[in-house]
C-alpha atoms as a PDB file:
ATOM      1  CA  GLN A   1      -9.469   5.588  17.389  1.00  0.00           C
ATOM      2  CA  VAL A   2      -8.521   4.795  13.873  1.00  0.00           C
ATOM      3  CA  GLN A   3      -6.274   1.785  13.276  1.00  0.00           C
ATOM      4  CA  LEU A   4      -4.614   0.272  10.250  1.00  0.00           C
ATOM      5  CA  VAL A   5      -2.869  -3.026  10.563  1.00  0.00           C
ATOM      6  CA  GLU A   6      -0.640  -4.310   7.833  1.00  0.00           C
ATOM      7  CA  SER A   7       0.123  -8.041   7.163  1.00  0.00           C
ATOM      8  CA  GLY A   8       1.588 -10.386   4.611  1.00  0.00           C
ATOM      9  CA  GLY A   9       5.322  -9.113   4.621  1.00  0.00           C
ATOM     10  CA  GLY A  10       8.203 -11.563   4.776  1.00  0.00           C
ATOM     11  CA  LEU A  11      11.158 -12.939   2.966  1.00  0.00           C
ATOM     12  CA  VAL A  12      10.748 -13.831  -0.596  1.00  0.00           C
ATOM     13  CA  GLN A  13      13.270 -14.752  -3.365  1.00  0.00           C
ATOM     14  CA  PRO A  14      13.596 -12.560  -6.351  1.00  0.00           C
ATOM     15  CA  GLY A  15      10.971 -12.961  -8.916  1.00  0.00           C
ATOM     16  CA  GLY A  16       8.677 -14.111  -6.100  1.00  0.00           C
ATOM     17  CA  SER A  17       5.215 -12.735  -5.095  1.00  0.00           C
ATOM     18  CA  LEU A  18       3.618 -11.499  -2.087  1.00  0.00           C
ATOM     19  CA  ARG A  19       0.169 -10.148  -1.152  1.00  0.00           C
ATOM     20  CA  LEU A  20       0.060  -7.515   1.619  1.00  0.00           C
ATOM     21  CA  SER A  21      -3.115  -6.807   3.401  1.00  0.00           C
ATOM     22  CA  CYS A  22      -4.235  -3.623   5.372  1.00  0.00           C
ATOM     23  CA  LYS A  23      -7.144  -4.209   7.825  1.00  0.00           C
ATOM     24  CA  ALA A  24      -8.856  -0.923   9.080  1.00  0.00           C
ATOM     25  CA  SER A  25     -10.900  -0.837  12.317  1.00  0.00           C
ATOM     26  CA  ALA A  26     -13.130   1.643  13.856  1.00  0.00           C
ATOM     27  CA  PHE A  27     -14.302   3.125  10.551  1.00  0.00           C
ATOM     28  CA  SER A  28     -15.672   2.279   7.095  1.00  0.00           C
ATOM     29  CA  LEU A  29     -13.235   2.471   4.325  1.00  0.00           C
ATOM     30  CA  HIS A  30     -15.958   3.576   1.917  1.00  0.00           C
ATOM     31  CA  TYR A  31     -15.078   7.338   2.088  1.00  0.00           C
ATOM     32  CA  TYR A  32     -11.256   6.954   2.299  1.00  0.00           C
ATOM     33  CA  GLY A  33      -8.566   6.891  -0.249  1.00  0.00           C
ATOM     34  CA  ILE A  34      -5.983   4.263   0.336  1.00  0.00           C
ATOM     35  CA  GLY A  35      -2.281   4.215  -0.425  1.00  0.00           C
ATOM     36  CA  TRP A  36       0.699   1.891  -0.147  1.00  0.00           C
ATOM     37  CA  PHE A  37       3.863   3.593   0.800  1.00  0.00           C
ATOM     38  CA  ARG A  38       7.405   1.868   1.469  1.00  0.00           C
ATOM     39  CA  GLN A  39      10.333   3.148   3.262  1.00  0.00           C
ATOM     40  CA  VAL A  40      14.007   2.117   2.731  1.00  0.00           C
ATOM     41  CA  PRO A  41      16.686   3.282   4.909  1.00  0.00           C
ATOM     42  CA  GLY A  42      18.564   6.124   3.498  1.00  0.00           C
ATOM     43  CA  HIS A  43      15.784   6.864   1.031  1.00  0.00           C
ATOM     44  CA  GLU A  44      12.763   9.022   1.142  1.00  0.00           C
ATOM     45  CA  ARG A  45       9.274   7.183   1.781  1.00  0.00           C
ATOM     46  CA  GLU A  46       7.805   6.391  -1.669  1.00  0.00           C
ATOM     47  CA  GLY A  47       4.200   6.354  -2.746  1.00  0.00           C
ATOM     48  CA  VAL A  48       4.093   2.887  -4.352  1.00  0.00           C
ATOM     49  CA  SER A  49       0.359   2.697  -5.095  1.00  0.00           C
ATOM     50  CA  CYS A  50      -2.812   4.312  -4.385  1.00  0.00           C
ATOM     51  CA  ILE A  51      -6.569   3.860  -5.016  1.00  0.00           C
ATOM     52  CA  SER A  52      -9.231   6.391  -4.908  1.00  0.00           C
ATOM     53  CA  SER A  53     -12.375   6.285  -2.501  1.00  0.00           C
ATOM     54  CA  SER A  54     -14.939   6.648  -5.166  1.00  0.00           C
ATOM     55  CA  ASP A  55     -14.453   5.192  -8.483  1.00  0.00           C
ATOM     56  CA  GLY A  56     -11.521   2.861  -7.492  1.00  0.00           C
ATOM     57  CA  SER A  57      -9.010   4.662  -9.919  1.00  0.00           C
ATOM     58  CA  THR A  58      -5.344   3.712  -9.447  1.00  0.00           C
ATOM     59  CA  PHE A  59      -1.770   5.170  -9.577  1.00  0.00           C
ATOM     60  CA  TYR A  60       1.228   3.141  -9.766  1.00  0.00           C
ATOM     61  CA  ALA A  61       4.872   4.337  -9.235  1.00  0.00           C
ATOM     62  CA  ASP A  62       6.926   3.751 -12.162  1.00  0.00           C
ATOM     63  CA  SER A  63       9.226   1.428 -10.128  1.00  0.00           C
ATOM     64  CA  VAL A  64       6.485  -1.035  -9.663  1.00  0.00           C
ATOM     65  CA  LYS A  65       4.134  -0.548 -12.607  1.00  0.00           C
ATOM     66  CA  GLY A  66       3.098  -3.843 -14.277  1.00  0.00           C
ATOM     67  CA  ARG A  67       4.326  -5.820 -11.237  1.00  0.00           C
ATOM     68  CA  VAL A  68       1.981  -4.604  -8.515  1.00  0.00           C
ATOM     69  CA  THR A  69      -1.947  -4.457  -8.107  1.00  0.00           C
ATOM     70  CA  ILE A  70      -3.794  -2.417  -5.493  1.00  0.00           C
ATOM     71  CA  SER A  71      -7.293  -3.242  -4.616  1.00  0.00           C
ATOM     72  CA  ARG A  72      -9.849  -2.813  -1.740  1.00  0.00           C
ATOM     73  CA  ASP A  73     -12.841  -4.669  -0.349  1.00  0.00           C
ATOM     74  CA  ASN A  74     -14.800  -2.039   1.445  1.00  0.00           C
ATOM     75  CA  ALA A  75     -17.110  -4.554   3.185  1.00  0.00           C
ATOM     76  CA  LYS A  76     -14.108  -6.211   4.701  1.00  0.00           C
ATOM     77  CA  LYS A  77     -12.476  -3.058   5.459  1.00  0.00           C
ATOM     78  CA  THR A  78      -9.460  -4.301   3.845  1.00  0.00           C
ATOM     79  CA  ALA A  79      -7.017  -3.057   1.110  1.00  0.00           C
ATOM     80  CA  TYR A  80      -4.583  -5.284  -0.648  1.00  0.00           C
ATOM     81  CA  LEU A  81      -1.283  -5.017  -2.548  1.00  0.00           C
ATOM     82  CA  GLN A  82      -0.503  -7.901  -4.775  1.00  0.00           C
ATOM     83  CA  MET A  83       3.120  -7.767  -5.777  1.00  0.00           C
ATOM     84  CA  SER A  84       4.786 -10.317  -8.336  1.00  0.00           C
ATOM     85  CA  GLY A  85       8.209 -10.178 -10.064  1.00  0.00           C
ATOM     86  CA  LEU A  86       9.858  -8.840  -6.870  1.00  0.00           C
ATOM     87  CA  LYS A  87      13.153  -7.351  -7.067  1.00  0.00           C
ATOM     88  CA  PRO A  88      15.751  -6.672  -4.299  1.00  0.00           C
ATOM     89  CA  GLU A  89      15.082  -3.035  -4.698  1.00  0.00           C
ATOM     90  CA  ASP A  90      11.589  -3.777  -3.598  1.00  0.00           C
ATOM     91  CA  THR A  91      12.866  -4.450   0.026  1.00  0.00           C
ATOM     92  CA  GLY A  92      11.574  -2.046   2.571  1.00  0.00           C
ATOM     93  CA  VAL A  93       8.894  -1.354   5.075  1.00  0.00           C
ATOM     94  CA  TYR A  94       5.452  -1.261   3.438  1.00  0.00           C
ATOM     95  CA  TYR A  95       3.088   1.121   5.185  1.00  0.00           C
ATOM     96  CA  CYS A  96      -0.819   1.354   4.284  1.00  0.00           C
ATOM     97  CA  ALA A  97      -2.389   4.910   4.932  1.00  0.00           C
ATOM     98  CA  THR A  98      -5.746   6.467   4.380  1.00  0.00           C
ATOM     99  CA  ARG A  99      -7.197   9.872   3.731  1.00  0.00           C
ATOM    100  CA  MET A 100     -10.725  10.801   3.857  1.00  0.00           C
ATOM    101  CA  GLY A 101     -12.544  12.273   0.886  1.00  0.00           C
ATOM    102  CA  TRP A 102     -12.064  12.085  -2.745  1.00  0.00           C
ATOM    103  CA  TYR A 103      -8.829  12.418  -4.253  1.00  0.00           C
ATOM    104  CA  SER A 104      -6.949  11.483  -7.273  1.00  0.00           C
ATOM    105  CA  PRO A 105      -5.073   8.412  -6.762  1.00  0.00           C
ATOM    106  CA  LYS A 106      -1.691  10.259  -7.839  1.00  0.00           C
ATOM    107  CA  ASP A 107      -2.515  13.179  -5.391  1.00  0.00           C
ATOM    108  CA  LEU A 108      -3.104  10.378  -2.610  1.00  0.00           C
ATOM    109  CA  CYS A 109       0.587   8.955  -3.357  1.00  0.00           C
ATOM    110  CA  TYR A 110       2.232  12.346  -3.226  1.00  0.00           C
ATOM    111  CA  HIS A 111       0.500  13.971  -0.305  1.00  0.00           C
ATOM    112  CA  ASP A 112       0.154  13.559   3.349  1.00  0.00           C
ATOM    113  CA  MET A 113      -2.323  10.852   4.606  1.00  0.00           C
ATOM    114  CA  ASP A 114      -4.610  11.037   7.614  1.00  0.00           C
ATOM    115  CA  TYR A 115      -3.839   7.675   9.084  1.00  0.00           C
ATOM    116  CA  TRP A 116      -0.740   5.311   9.081  1.00  0.00           C
ATOM    117  CA  GLY A 117      -0.533   1.616  10.009  1.00  0.00           C
ATOM    118  CA  LYS A 118       2.807   0.479  11.692  1.00  0.00           C
ATOM    119  CA  GLY A 119       4.243  -1.221   8.650  1.00  0.00           C
ATOM    120  CA  THR A 120       5.132  -4.693   7.341  1.00  0.00           C
ATOM    121  CA  LEU A 121       8.778  -5.675   6.261  1.00  0.00           C
ATOM    122  CA  VAL A 122       9.107  -7.016   2.737  1.00  0.00           C
ATOM    123  CA  THR A 123      12.703  -8.436   2.071  1.00  0.00           C
ATOM    124  CA  VAL A 124      13.589  -9.765  -1.368  1.00  0.00           C
ATOM    125  CA  SER A 125      16.587 -11.736  -1.391  1.00  0.00           C
ATOM    126  CA  SER A 126      18.204 -14.827  -2.292  1.00  0.00           C
END
């Protein structure tokens, strides 16, 4: 059974920072592309950032570009999303997801993934 568990969400003031973590169990992350997605009530789910399985190439949505960094540590079976300069519009539930095989990071963010975590809530508010 594949499981992804996100952590690191919480309440942060505008301009603040958070680091989200996604821990995978039951399999190696080495052959999986990884993505972070967010869901805001009343809006479609958005691919925030994705990283490919092979060369670690990355994609960032325009809404977060320059403020967010995605990374992965295959040995720890963990992916990260470092967020800074947070804005109220960054509020939402952030999901980690994976897809086996090589895909460009942009493809990962715009297509279905194989496995999803349950999400972690990020609230940006003063």
